[in-house]
Protein backbone atom coordinates (compact mmCIF):
# COMPACT_ATOMS: atom_id res chain seq x y z
CA MET A 1 125.40 124.18 79.14
CA ARG A 2 123.22 121.64 80.92
CA VAL A 3 125.03 118.42 81.88
CA VAL A 4 123.51 115.27 83.38
CA VAL A 5 125.79 112.82 85.20
CA VAL A 6 124.41 109.29 85.65
CA GLY A 7 126.18 107.62 88.55
CA ALA A 8 127.20 110.92 90.11
CA THR A 9 127.83 109.61 93.64
CA GLY A 10 130.74 107.26 92.95
CA ASN A 11 134.49 107.73 92.68
CA VAL A 12 134.62 109.51 89.31
CA GLY A 13 131.15 111.04 89.61
CA THR A 14 132.04 112.84 92.83
CA ALA A 15 135.23 114.24 91.30
CA LEU A 16 133.38 115.21 88.11
CA LEU A 17 130.80 117.22 90.05
CA ARG A 18 133.67 119.24 91.51
CA ALA A 19 135.20 119.79 88.07
CA LEU A 20 131.96 120.77 86.32
CA HIS A 21 130.93 123.09 89.15
CA ALA A 22 134.19 125.01 88.62
CA GLU A 23 133.53 125.36 84.87
CA PRO A 24 131.72 128.65 84.02
CA ARG A 25 130.27 127.22 80.80
CA VAL A 26 128.28 124.63 82.77
CA THR A 27 125.15 126.44 83.93
CA SER A 28 123.04 123.46 85.03
CA LEU A 29 124.19 120.23 86.64
CA LEU A 30 121.93 117.24 87.37
CA GLY A 31 123.09 114.13 89.21
CA ILE A 32 121.33 110.78 88.73
CA ALA A 33 121.88 107.98 91.23
CA ARG A 34 120.25 104.85 92.56
CA ARG A 35 120.90 106.04 96.12
CA LEU A 36 120.84 109.78 96.67
CA PRO A 37 123.73 111.41 98.57
CA ASP A 38 123.71 113.95 101.37
CA ARG A 39 122.62 116.83 99.19
CA GLY A 40 123.84 119.39 101.70
CA ALA A 41 127.43 118.12 101.53
CA GLU A 42 130.06 119.09 98.97
CA PRO A 43 130.24 118.43 96.10
CA TYR A 44 126.68 117.06 95.94
CA VAL A 45 125.22 120.41 96.93
CA TYR A 46 126.30 121.78 93.55
CA ALA A 47 123.82 119.65 91.58
CA GLY A 48 120.13 118.97 91.31
CA TRP A 49 119.24 115.31 91.83
CA GLY A 50 117.07 112.59 90.39
CA ALA A 51 116.76 108.99 91.57
CA VAL A 52 116.81 106.33 88.84
CA ASP A 53 118.20 102.79 89.02
CA VAL A 54 119.45 101.96 85.51
CA GLY A 55 119.68 98.29 86.53
CA SER A 56 116.13 98.08 87.85
CA GLU A 57 114.19 94.87 87.24
CA GLN A 58 111.40 97.02 85.79
CA THR A 59 110.82 96.93 82.05
CA ASP A 60 113.18 98.73 79.71
CA GLU A 61 110.33 101.03 78.72
CA ALA A 62 109.69 102.08 82.33
CA VAL A 63 113.35 102.80 83.10
CA VAL A 64 114.06 104.50 79.78
CA GLY A 65 110.96 106.64 80.20
CA ARG A 66 112.14 107.91 83.57
CA LEU A 67 115.59 108.64 82.17
CA VAL A 68 114.10 110.55 79.24
CA GLU A 69 112.30 112.84 81.70
CA GLN A 70 115.62 113.62 83.39
CA PHE A 71 117.59 114.04 80.13
CA ARG A 72 115.32 116.56 78.39
CA ARG A 73 117.07 119.79 77.38
CA ALA A 74 120.49 118.38 78.33
CA ASP A 75 123.50 119.24 76.19
CA ALA A 76 125.44 116.20 77.36
CA VAL A 77 124.87 113.04 79.37
CA VAL A 78 127.86 111.46 81.13
CA HIS A 79 127.18 107.82 81.99
CA LEU A 80 129.33 106.57 84.89
CA ALA A 81 126.97 104.15 86.68
CA TRP A 82 128.58 100.75 87.17
CA LEU A 83 128.02 97.96 89.69
CA ILE A 84 131.12 96.16 91.02
CA GLN A 85 129.51 94.24 93.88
CA PRO A 86 127.85 91.86 94.62
CA ASN A 87 130.52 89.94 92.74
CA ARG A 88 128.63 86.66 92.88
CA GLN A 89 125.36 87.93 91.38
CA ARG A 90 126.41 87.83 87.76
CA GLU A 91 123.02 88.54 86.22
CA ARG A 92 122.46 91.56 88.41
CA LEU A 93 125.87 92.98 87.44
CA ARG A 94 125.19 92.53 83.74
CA ARG A 95 121.72 94.04 84.01
CA THR A 96 123.14 97.22 85.53
CA ASN A 97 126.41 97.45 83.62
CA VAL A 98 125.54 96.35 80.10
CA GLU A 99 121.77 96.69 79.85
CA GLY A 100 121.95 99.83 81.99
CA THR A 101 124.26 101.39 79.40
CA ARG A 102 121.84 100.39 76.65
CA ARG A 103 118.97 102.02 78.54
CA VAL A 104 120.90 105.25 79.06
CA ALA A 105 121.87 105.39 75.39
CA GLU A 106 118.28 104.81 74.27
CA ALA A 107 117.07 107.58 76.59
CA VAL A 108 119.71 109.93 75.17
CA ALA A 109 118.39 109.31 71.66
CA ARG A 110 114.73 109.73 72.66
CA ALA A 111 115.41 112.91 74.63
CA GLY A 112 117.35 114.45 71.75
CA VAL A 113 120.61 114.84 73.69
CA PRO A 114 123.44 115.59 71.21
CA HIS A 115 126.34 114.18 73.23
CA LEU A 116 126.81 110.91 75.16
CA VAL A 117 130.00 110.34 77.18
CA VAL A 118 130.49 106.88 78.70
CA ALA A 119 132.93 105.43 81.22
CA SER A 120 134.73 102.49 79.66
CA SER A 121 138.03 101.19 81.06
CA VAL A 122 141.50 99.87 80.29
CA SER A 123 139.98 96.50 81.22
CA ALA A 124 137.94 96.52 78.01
CA TYR A 125 141.12 95.91 76.01
CA SER A 126 142.28 92.47 74.97
CA PRO A 127 145.13 91.09 77.10
CA VAL A 128 148.78 91.57 76.14
CA ALA A 129 152.05 89.93 77.19
CA ASP A 130 154.34 92.97 76.97
CA ASP A 131 154.67 96.57 78.17
CA GLU A 132 154.35 98.26 74.78
CA PRO A 133 151.93 101.20 75.09
CA ARG A 134 148.68 100.70 73.17
CA ARG A 135 146.54 103.38 71.62
CA GLU A 136 142.77 103.41 71.27
CA ASP A 137 142.75 101.13 68.20
CA TRP A 138 143.80 98.06 70.25
CA PRO A 139 141.01 95.40 70.23
CA VAL A 140 138.42 95.60 73.00
CA ALA A 141 137.58 91.93 73.60
CA GLY A 142 138.32 91.97 77.35
CA THR A 143 139.77 89.29 79.64
CA ARG A 144 137.43 86.30 79.49
CA THR A 145 137.96 85.20 83.11
CA SER A 146 137.07 88.64 84.52
CA HIS A 147 133.37 89.51 84.72
CA TYR A 148 134.29 93.20 85.02
CA SER A 149 136.37 93.07 81.84
CA VAL A 150 133.79 90.99 79.96
CA ASP A 151 131.07 93.50 80.80
CA LYS A 152 133.26 96.45 79.81
CA ALA A 153 133.89 94.85 76.43
CA ALA A 154 130.14 94.16 76.07
CA GLN A 155 129.44 97.79 76.94
CA GLU A 156 131.75 98.84 74.11
CA ARG A 157 129.70 96.75 71.68
CA VAL A 158 126.52 98.43 72.93
CA LEU A 159 128.09 101.80 72.11
CA ASP A 160 129.19 100.59 68.68
CA GLU A 161 125.62 99.55 67.89
CA PHE A 162 124.27 102.83 69.19
CA GLU A 163 126.66 104.89 67.07
CA ARG A 164 125.62 103.01 63.92
CA ALA A 165 121.94 103.54 64.71
CA HIS A 166 122.30 107.19 65.79
CA PRO A 167 125.11 108.88 63.83
CA ASP A 168 123.68 112.27 64.82
CA VAL A 169 124.68 111.73 68.47
CA ALA A 170 128.34 112.40 69.32
CA VAL A 171 129.51 109.41 71.39
CA ALA A 172 132.70 109.45 73.43
CA ARG A 173 134.11 106.71 75.61
CA LEU A 174 136.92 107.15 78.12
CA ARG A 175 139.22 104.23 78.94
CA PRO A 176 141.10 105.20 82.08
CA ALA A 177 143.63 103.25 84.09
CA LEU A 178 142.97 102.52 87.78
CA ILE A 179 141.37 105.58 89.37
CA PHE A 180 142.40 106.54 92.91
CA GLN A 181 141.63 109.29 95.40
CA ALA A 182 141.51 109.46 99.19
CA ASP A 183 137.72 109.87 99.25
CA ALA A 184 137.34 106.49 97.49
CA ALA A 185 139.43 104.65 100.08
CA GLN A 186 136.58 102.94 101.91
CA GLU A 187 134.81 102.09 98.66
CA VAL A 188 137.95 100.19 97.58
CA VAL A 189 138.11 98.45 100.96
CA ARG A 190 134.45 97.41 100.86
CA TYR A 191 134.42 96.32 97.22
CA PHE A 192 137.72 94.45 97.05
CA LEU A 193 139.10 93.66 100.49
CA GLY A 194 136.27 93.20 102.96
CA PRO A 195 136.07 93.69 106.72
CA LEU A 196 138.68 91.06 107.61
CA VAL A 197 141.58 92.94 105.98
CA PRO A 198 143.00 95.32 108.66
CA VAL A 199 143.68 98.39 106.50
CA SER A 200 143.26 100.67 109.52
CA LEU A 201 146.72 99.46 110.66
CA LEU A 202 148.15 101.71 107.93
CA ARG A 203 147.70 104.65 110.27
CA TYR A 204 150.36 103.13 112.54
CA GLY A 205 152.87 102.44 109.78
CA ARG A 206 153.45 100.57 106.55
CA PRO A 207 154.14 96.82 106.31
CA PRO A 208 157.82 95.76 106.29
CA ALA A 209 157.44 93.75 103.07
CA ILE A 210 154.95 93.65 100.21
CA PRO A 211 154.23 90.32 98.47
CA LEU A 212 153.15 90.84 94.86
CA PRO A 213 152.75 88.69 91.75
CA ALA A 214 155.96 88.59 89.72
CA GLY A 215 155.76 90.83 86.66
CA LEU A 216 152.97 93.06 87.96
CA ARG A 217 152.99 96.62 86.67
CA LEU A 218 150.31 99.18 87.32
CA GLN A 219 149.01 102.30 85.68
CA ALA A 220 146.89 104.68 87.69
CA VAL A 221 145.43 108.15 87.53
CA HIS A 222 143.99 110.45 90.17
CA ALA A 223 140.21 110.89 90.15
CA ASP A 224 140.54 114.66 89.82
CA ASP A 225 142.62 114.22 86.67
CA VAL A 226 140.05 111.80 85.25
CA ALA A 227 137.32 114.32 86.05
CA ASP A 228 139.28 116.96 84.14
CA ALA A 229 139.44 114.59 81.16
CA TYR A 230 135.67 114.07 81.24
CA ALA A 231 135.06 117.81 81.54
CA ARG A 232 137.24 118.51 78.49
CA VAL A 233 135.42 115.86 76.45
CA VAL A 234 132.05 117.33 77.45
CA LEU A 235 132.99 120.94 76.77
CA GLU A 236 134.52 120.17 73.36
CA ARG A 237 131.76 117.70 72.41
CA ALA A 238 134.51 115.24 71.52
CA ARG A 239 133.83 111.90 69.84
CA GLY A 240 135.54 108.54 69.96
CA ALA A 241 137.71 106.70 72.46
CA PHE A 242 140.26 108.30 74.78
CA ASN A 243 142.85 106.55 76.92
CA VAL A 244 143.43 108.32 80.26
CA ALA A 245 146.47 107.57 82.42
CA ALA A 246 149.33 109.28 84.21
CA ARG A 247 152.71 109.02 82.51
CA ASP A 248 154.44 106.82 85.07
CA VAL A 249 153.97 103.04 85.10
CA LEU A 250 154.49 101.53 88.56
CA SER A 251 156.56 98.37 88.87
CA GLY A 252 156.35 95.92 91.75
CA GLN A 253 159.32 97.66 93.34
CA ASP A 254 157.57 101.01 93.02
CA LEU A 255 154.48 99.57 94.70
CA ALA A 256 156.56 98.16 97.53
CA ARG A 257 158.18 101.55 98.06
CA ILE A 258 154.84 103.40 98.11
CA ALA A 259 152.82 100.89 100.13
CA GLY A 260 155.56 99.65 102.46
CA HIS A 261 159.23 100.08 103.27
CA GLY A 262 160.50 99.12 99.84
CA ARG A 263 161.00 95.42 100.33
CA LEU A 264 159.33 93.47 97.54
CA VAL A 265 158.60 89.75 97.75
CA GLU A 266 157.77 88.44 94.28
CA VAL A 267 155.41 85.49 94.21
CA PRO A 268 154.59 83.33 91.16
CA PRO A 269 151.27 84.53 89.70
CA SER A 270 149.86 80.99 89.74
CA ALA A 271 150.49 80.77 93.49
CA VAL A 272 148.86 84.13 94.09
CA ARG A 273 145.89 83.08 92.03
CA GLY A 274 145.49 79.88 94.02
CA VAL A 275 145.57 81.71 97.34
CA LEU A 276 143.16 84.35 96.05
CA ALA A 277 140.76 81.71 94.74
CA ALA A 278 140.75 79.94 98.12
CA ALA A 279 140.25 83.20 100.04
CA TYR A 280 137.43 84.21 97.72
CA ALA A 281 135.75 80.81 98.04
CA ALA A 282 136.00 81.13 101.83
CA ARG A 283 134.58 84.67 101.62
CA VAL A 284 137.65 86.10 103.33
CA VAL A 285 138.13 88.63 100.50
CA ARG A 286 135.70 90.02 97.95
CA THR A 287 138.08 89.93 94.99
CA ASP A 288 137.72 86.92 92.71
CA PRO A 289 140.69 85.57 90.69
CA GLY A 290 139.43 87.24 87.51
CA TRP A 291 140.58 90.59 88.86
CA LEU A 292 144.14 89.26 89.09
CA ASP A 293 143.97 87.82 85.57
CA MET A 294 142.86 91.20 84.29
CA ALA A 295 145.52 93.12 86.23
CA LEU A 296 148.31 90.94 84.82
CA GLY A 297 147.06 91.19 81.23
CA VAL A 298 145.83 94.74 80.60
CA PRO A 299 147.98 96.80 78.25
CA VAL A 300 149.92 99.91 79.14
CA LEU A 301 147.88 102.87 77.90
CA ASP A 302 149.16 105.43 75.43
CA ALA A 303 147.26 108.64 76.26
CA THR A 304 148.66 110.70 73.38
CA ARG A 305 145.27 111.38 71.82
CA ILE A 306 143.62 113.15 74.74
CA ARG A 307 146.80 115.11 75.45
CA SER A 308 147.24 116.31 71.88
CA GLU A 309 143.59 116.88 70.90
CA LEU A 310 142.12 118.20 74.15
CA GLY A 311 145.19 119.54 75.95
CA TRP A 312 144.72 117.21 78.92
CA ALA A 313 147.68 116.71 81.23
CA PRO A 314 147.59 114.94 84.61
CA ARG A 315 148.49 117.10 87.58
CA ARG A 316 149.42 114.07 89.69
CA THR A 317 151.49 111.01 88.99
CA ALA A 318 150.30 107.44 89.39
CA ALA A 319 152.45 107.24 92.51
CA ASP A 320 150.72 110.35 93.91
CA ALA A 321 147.29 108.82 93.24
CA LEU A 322 148.18 105.56 94.99
CA GLU A 323 149.67 107.39 97.96
CA ASP A 324 146.50 109.49 98.27
CA LEU A 325 144.40 106.31 98.31
CA LEU A 326 146.57 104.65 101.00
CA GLU A 327 146.40 107.74 103.20
CA GLY A 328 142.63 107.69 102.86
CA MET A 329 142.54 104.01 103.85
CA ALA A 330 144.59 104.74 106.96
CA VAL A 331 142.10 107.28 108.30
CA GLY A 332 138.86 105.80 106.90
CA GLN A 333 138.25 108.78 104.61
CA GLY A 334 135.09 109.16 102.52
CA THR A 335 132.30 111.54 101.54
CA GLY A 336 128.56 111.97 101.96
CA SER A 337 127.43 109.39 99.41
CA ALA A 338 126.51 105.74 99.89
CA PRO A 339 129.33 104.36 97.67
CA LEU A 340 132.00 106.59 99.23
CA ARG A 341 130.78 106.61 102.82
CA PRO A 342 133.71 106.78 105.26
CA ALA A 343 134.62 104.32 107.95
CA SER A 344 133.55 104.98 111.55
CA PRO A 345 133.98 107.48 113.13
CA ARG A 346 132.27 109.50 110.40
CA PRO A 347 132.37 113.23 109.82
CA PRO A 348 129.22 115.38 110.04
CA GLY A 349 127.31 115.70 106.79
CA ASP A 350 127.76 112.07 105.77
CA ALA A 351 124.76 109.94 104.84
CA THR A 352 125.77 107.74 107.75
CA VAL A 353 125.67 109.21 111.23
CA PRO A 354 128.50 109.49 113.76
CA VAL A 355 127.93 108.92 117.45
CA PRO A 356 126.89 112.38 118.75
CA ARG A 357 129.68 112.72 121.31
CA ARG A 358 129.77 115.86 123.43
CA ALA A 359 133.01 117.78 122.98
CA GLY A 360 135.62 116.52 125.42
CA ALA A 361 133.48 113.59 126.61
CA GLU A 362 133.45 109.87 125.92
CA PRO A 363 130.05 108.11 125.95
CA ARG A 364 129.45 106.11 129.13
CA ILE A 365 126.58 104.86 131.28
CA PRO A 366 127.00 106.56 134.68
CA ASP A 367 126.59 104.75 137.99
CA SER A 368 123.40 106.73 138.59
CA MET A 369 121.68 104.82 135.77
CA ASP A 370 120.71 101.15 135.59
CA HIS A 371 123.36 99.84 133.20
CA TYR A 372 121.39 96.71 132.25
CA LEU A 373 118.05 98.41 131.57
CA PHE A 374 119.54 101.34 129.66
CA GLY A 375 121.69 98.98 127.60
CA LEU A 376 118.69 96.78 126.87
CA TYR A 377 116.73 99.86 125.80
CA LEU A 378 119.44 100.94 123.34
CA SER A 379 119.84 97.38 122.06
CA ASP A 380 116.11 97.18 121.36
CA HIS A 381 116.26 100.43 119.37
CA PHE A 382 119.15 98.98 117.36
CA THR A 383 116.99 95.92 116.73
CA GLY A 384 114.10 98.14 115.65
CA ALA A 385 116.37 100.03 113.27
CA THR A 386 117.45 96.69 111.75
CA ALA A 387 113.87 95.65 111.02
CA GLY A 388 112.90 99.13 109.86
CA LEU A 389 115.80 99.28 107.44
CA GLU A 390 114.81 95.92 105.93
CA ARG A 391 111.26 97.17 105.40
CA LEU A 392 112.27 100.53 103.98
CA GLU A 393 114.75 98.96 101.55
CA LEU A 394 111.91 96.78 100.25
CA MET A 395 109.61 99.79 99.92
CA THR A 396 112.27 101.75 98.03
CA ARG A 397 112.64 98.92 95.51
CA THR A 398 108.91 98.29 95.23
CA TYR A 399 107.90 101.92 94.66
CA ALA A 400 110.72 102.83 92.30
CA ASP A 401 108.22 103.96 89.67
CA THR A 402 106.28 106.28 91.98
CA PRO A 403 106.76 109.99 92.78
CA PHE A 404 108.12 108.96 96.21
CA TYR A 405 111.13 106.94 95.06
CA ALA A 406 113.73 109.69 95.60
CA GLU A 407 112.47 110.51 99.09
CA LEU A 408 112.23 106.84 100.07
CA ALA A 409 115.78 106.26 98.83
CA GLU A 410 117.02 109.20 100.87
CA ALA A 411 115.15 108.03 103.98
CA THR A 412 116.68 104.58 103.51
CA GLU A 413 120.18 106.05 103.62
CA GLN A 414 119.24 108.09 106.69
CA LEU A 415 117.95 105.00 108.48
CA ARG A 416 121.04 103.03 107.48
CA GLY A 417 123.14 105.75 109.10
CA GLU A 418 120.99 105.79 112.24
CA ARG A 419 121.33 102.04 112.58
CA GLU A 420 125.11 102.44 112.37
CA LEU A 421 124.90 105.14 115.04
CA TYR A 422 123.18 102.75 117.45
CA ARG A 423 125.70 100.03 116.64
CA ASP A 424 128.64 102.34 117.30
CA LEU A 425 127.03 103.72 120.44
CA LEU A 426 126.50 100.21 121.81
CA ASN A 427 130.16 99.47 121.12
CA ALA A 428 131.29 102.72 122.77
CA LEU A 429 129.19 101.98 125.87
CA GLY A 430 130.23 98.35 126.07
CA VAL A 431 126.65 97.14 125.65
CA PRO A 432 126.02 93.76 123.95
CA ARG A 433 123.95 93.90 120.77
CA ARG A 434 121.91 90.82 121.68
CA ARG A 435 122.09 89.37 118.20
CA HIS A 436 119.30 86.88 118.84
CA ARG A 437 116.89 89.84 119.06
CA GLN A 438 118.15 91.21 115.74
CA VAL A 439 117.76 87.82 114.08
CA ALA A 440 114.24 87.56 115.49
CA ALA A 441 113.44 91.07 114.20
CA TRP A 442 114.86 90.21 110.77
CA LEU A 443 112.78 87.02 110.62
CA GLY A 444 109.72 88.90 111.87
CA GLU A 445 110.09 91.51 109.15
CA LYS A 446 110.39 88.78 106.51
CA ALA A 447 107.36 86.98 107.93
CA GLY A 448 105.45 90.26 107.94
CA ARG A 449 105.75 90.34 104.16
CA LEU A 450 103.47 87.29 104.08
CA LYS A 451 100.57 89.09 105.79
CA LEU A 452 97.10 88.39 104.43
CA ASN A 453 96.24 91.19 102.03
CA GLY A 454 93.78 89.22 99.97
CA ARG A 455 96.50 88.38 97.45
CA LEU A 456 98.71 85.31 97.33
CA THR A 457 100.85 85.70 94.21
CA ASP A 458 101.20 89.48 93.91
CA ARG A 459 101.16 92.59 96.06
CA SER A 460 97.82 93.91 97.20
CA PRO A 461 97.10 97.61 96.62
CA MET A 462 96.44 97.71 100.36
CA THR A 463 100.08 96.81 101.06
CA ALA A 464 101.28 100.37 100.47
CA VAL A 465 98.80 101.67 103.04
CA LEU A 466 99.87 99.14 105.65
CA GLU A 467 103.56 99.72 104.98
CA ALA A 468 103.15 103.48 105.38
CA GLU A 469 101.35 102.95 108.68
CA LEU A 470 104.01 100.49 109.87
CA MET A 471 106.89 102.80 109.02
CA ARG A 472 105.17 105.86 110.48
CA SER A 473 104.67 103.96 113.75
CA ALA A 474 108.29 102.82 113.69
CA VAL A 475 109.57 106.36 113.22
CA LEU A 476 107.37 107.61 116.06
CA GLY A 477 108.99 104.95 118.25
CA LYS A 478 112.40 106.09 117.02
CA ILE A 479 111.56 109.65 118.03
CA GLY A 480 110.98 108.33 121.55
CA GLY A 481 114.48 106.86 121.46
CA TRP A 482 116.08 110.14 120.42
CA GLN A 483 114.07 111.96 123.09
CA THR A 484 115.32 109.54 125.75
CA LEU A 485 118.93 110.03 124.65
CA ARG A 486 118.34 113.79 124.58
CA GLU A 487 117.02 113.66 128.16
CA HIS A 488 120.14 111.87 129.38
CA ALA A 489 122.64 113.49 126.99
CA ASP A 490 124.70 115.20 129.71
CA ASP A 491 124.92 112.07 131.84
CA VAL A 492 125.89 109.80 128.95
CA GLY A 493 128.30 112.26 127.30
CA LEU A 494 126.30 112.96 124.13
CA ASP A 495 125.86 116.13 122.10
CA ALA A 496 122.31 117.38 122.74
CA ALA A 497 122.32 119.65 119.70
CA ARG A 498 123.14 116.73 117.38
CA LEU A 499 120.32 114.71 118.92
CA ASP A 500 117.98 117.63 118.23
CA GLU A 501 119.00 117.39 114.57
CA LEU A 502 118.19 113.68 114.56
CA LEU A 503 114.79 114.47 116.09
CA ASP A 504 114.11 116.99 113.32
CA GLN A 505 115.15 114.42 110.72
CA ALA A 506 112.80 111.83 112.22
CA ARG A 507 109.89 114.29 112.23
CA ALA A 508 110.55 114.95 108.54
CA GLN A 509 110.38 111.19 107.98
CA VAL A 510 107.00 111.07 109.72
CA GLU A 511 105.81 113.80 107.37
CA LEU A 512 107.08 111.76 104.39
CA PHE A 513 105.15 108.66 105.48
CA ASP A 514 102.05 110.79 106.09
CA ARG A 515 102.18 111.99 102.49
CA PHE A 516 102.94 108.50 101.19
CA HIS A 517 99.99 107.16 103.21
CA ALA A 518 97.66 109.77 101.72
CA TRP A 519 98.84 108.90 98.22
CA ALA A 520 98.46 105.14 98.83
CA ARG A 521 95.07 105.18 100.57
CA GLU A 522 93.60 107.34 97.81
CA ARG A 523 94.42 104.54 95.33
CA ALA A 524 94.28 101.38 97.41
CA PHE A 525 90.58 100.66 97.49
CA ARG A 526 89.62 101.52 93.96
CA SER A 527 88.52 98.50 92.01
CA GLY A 528 91.37 96.95 90.02
CA THR A 529 94.11 99.39 91.04
CA VAL A 530 97.62 98.92 92.34
CA PRO A 531 99.63 101.94 93.53
CA GLY A 532 102.25 102.81 90.96
């Protein structure tokens, strides 16, 4: 069986790759993602990979065409891709979440795939005012004040339309409760809490009291159990809607016991909403009040159908899933994908890069070196990485419809990790970042986009050539930085072998930009052509 997973680098996608890899009947596994993961890290090593952004601003025809190429000969497509942030860019969210689902479904029909499995959510259901469990026939109109819920309900309508138009395709939709696992801890922090919420303090103990909205109850399920549900639906080619949730429903007191020392402070929901609205407006947190409205109104799920028809049974309780998430938050746990990247310090194999400390040593600038000049040198490389990342992100978006998109996306993640390495190294060495230089570099990169290419309102075909040359030169400069750190690795307390790996990675990037340059220059100067 050949299975394609769209959105295979997120919370559920990562767990599903593990589950499908363990299933003997699955003989081919393809992951599709906007940003490719570390394909040498588990579980991403188990799949082949293709880079497609289902929410791209390109035409439907262009995106659907690329998806069709990936879906050919598949027995099932599992669509998990969903954008939660940026919360404030409503049109971008809808383009990815609702129109992205429509694009995937259309590609499934064109490619002749017999089974489409889609990630819906408990949030698609209409709000309730009681704790009576609801089955899959409860209305899916969503919570009107929650953009997430509104889009989930709209996604359900897209699937309804698709089923009527393509009755030959078996369509399944899973509506799980909140999905937790330790590897998703930093994703939850980034998407909902933000950098000002000190979750790392959890490693030193739990808070003495937990303030929660009065009447809050929570259903959850572990990501591995959700992955098992998806795998069963795929293997049985099941149709229709399936609720997925652990049996226990957590009360406010349960949450206080799991997250703290058991002391619950109940707060009127209206007061909580007011505080949350103010914090969101001040950009202190990333969660808007609609998330609270949805949490207080979603129904309790009755998961009888998937248990009775497919034999699914959760191996972990909702309490276990929440505890796993909190433990992951305490230690900054994550994996080698962009959505699930861990907090610093980061383990080897992640798309981001940890400071290459030598075993038993802490990075430092010894007295034998000029502290100011060496610090300035490292700060300038951090500044260069900032400008380079801006440029490469633009290139990745611009050349999404070219044969180089996947490699550019991967190089972007590598450069993002290298920039984080320099940032963390500066912090470890006590070197100032000199933010004015980074701002100047950022402005310079933006100004560089206005260069005279002979075009004022659109991109010149020569732009690709110049960008390849610019990035190749930047990577050659970066190689000089790694070589300098390699030369002084023993003095500074760095791992020379890890720096050698970074040098090899940079040389591979030079080779990529050489090939991209050859491709671009072959097309750039033909009359009436634009690379694409």
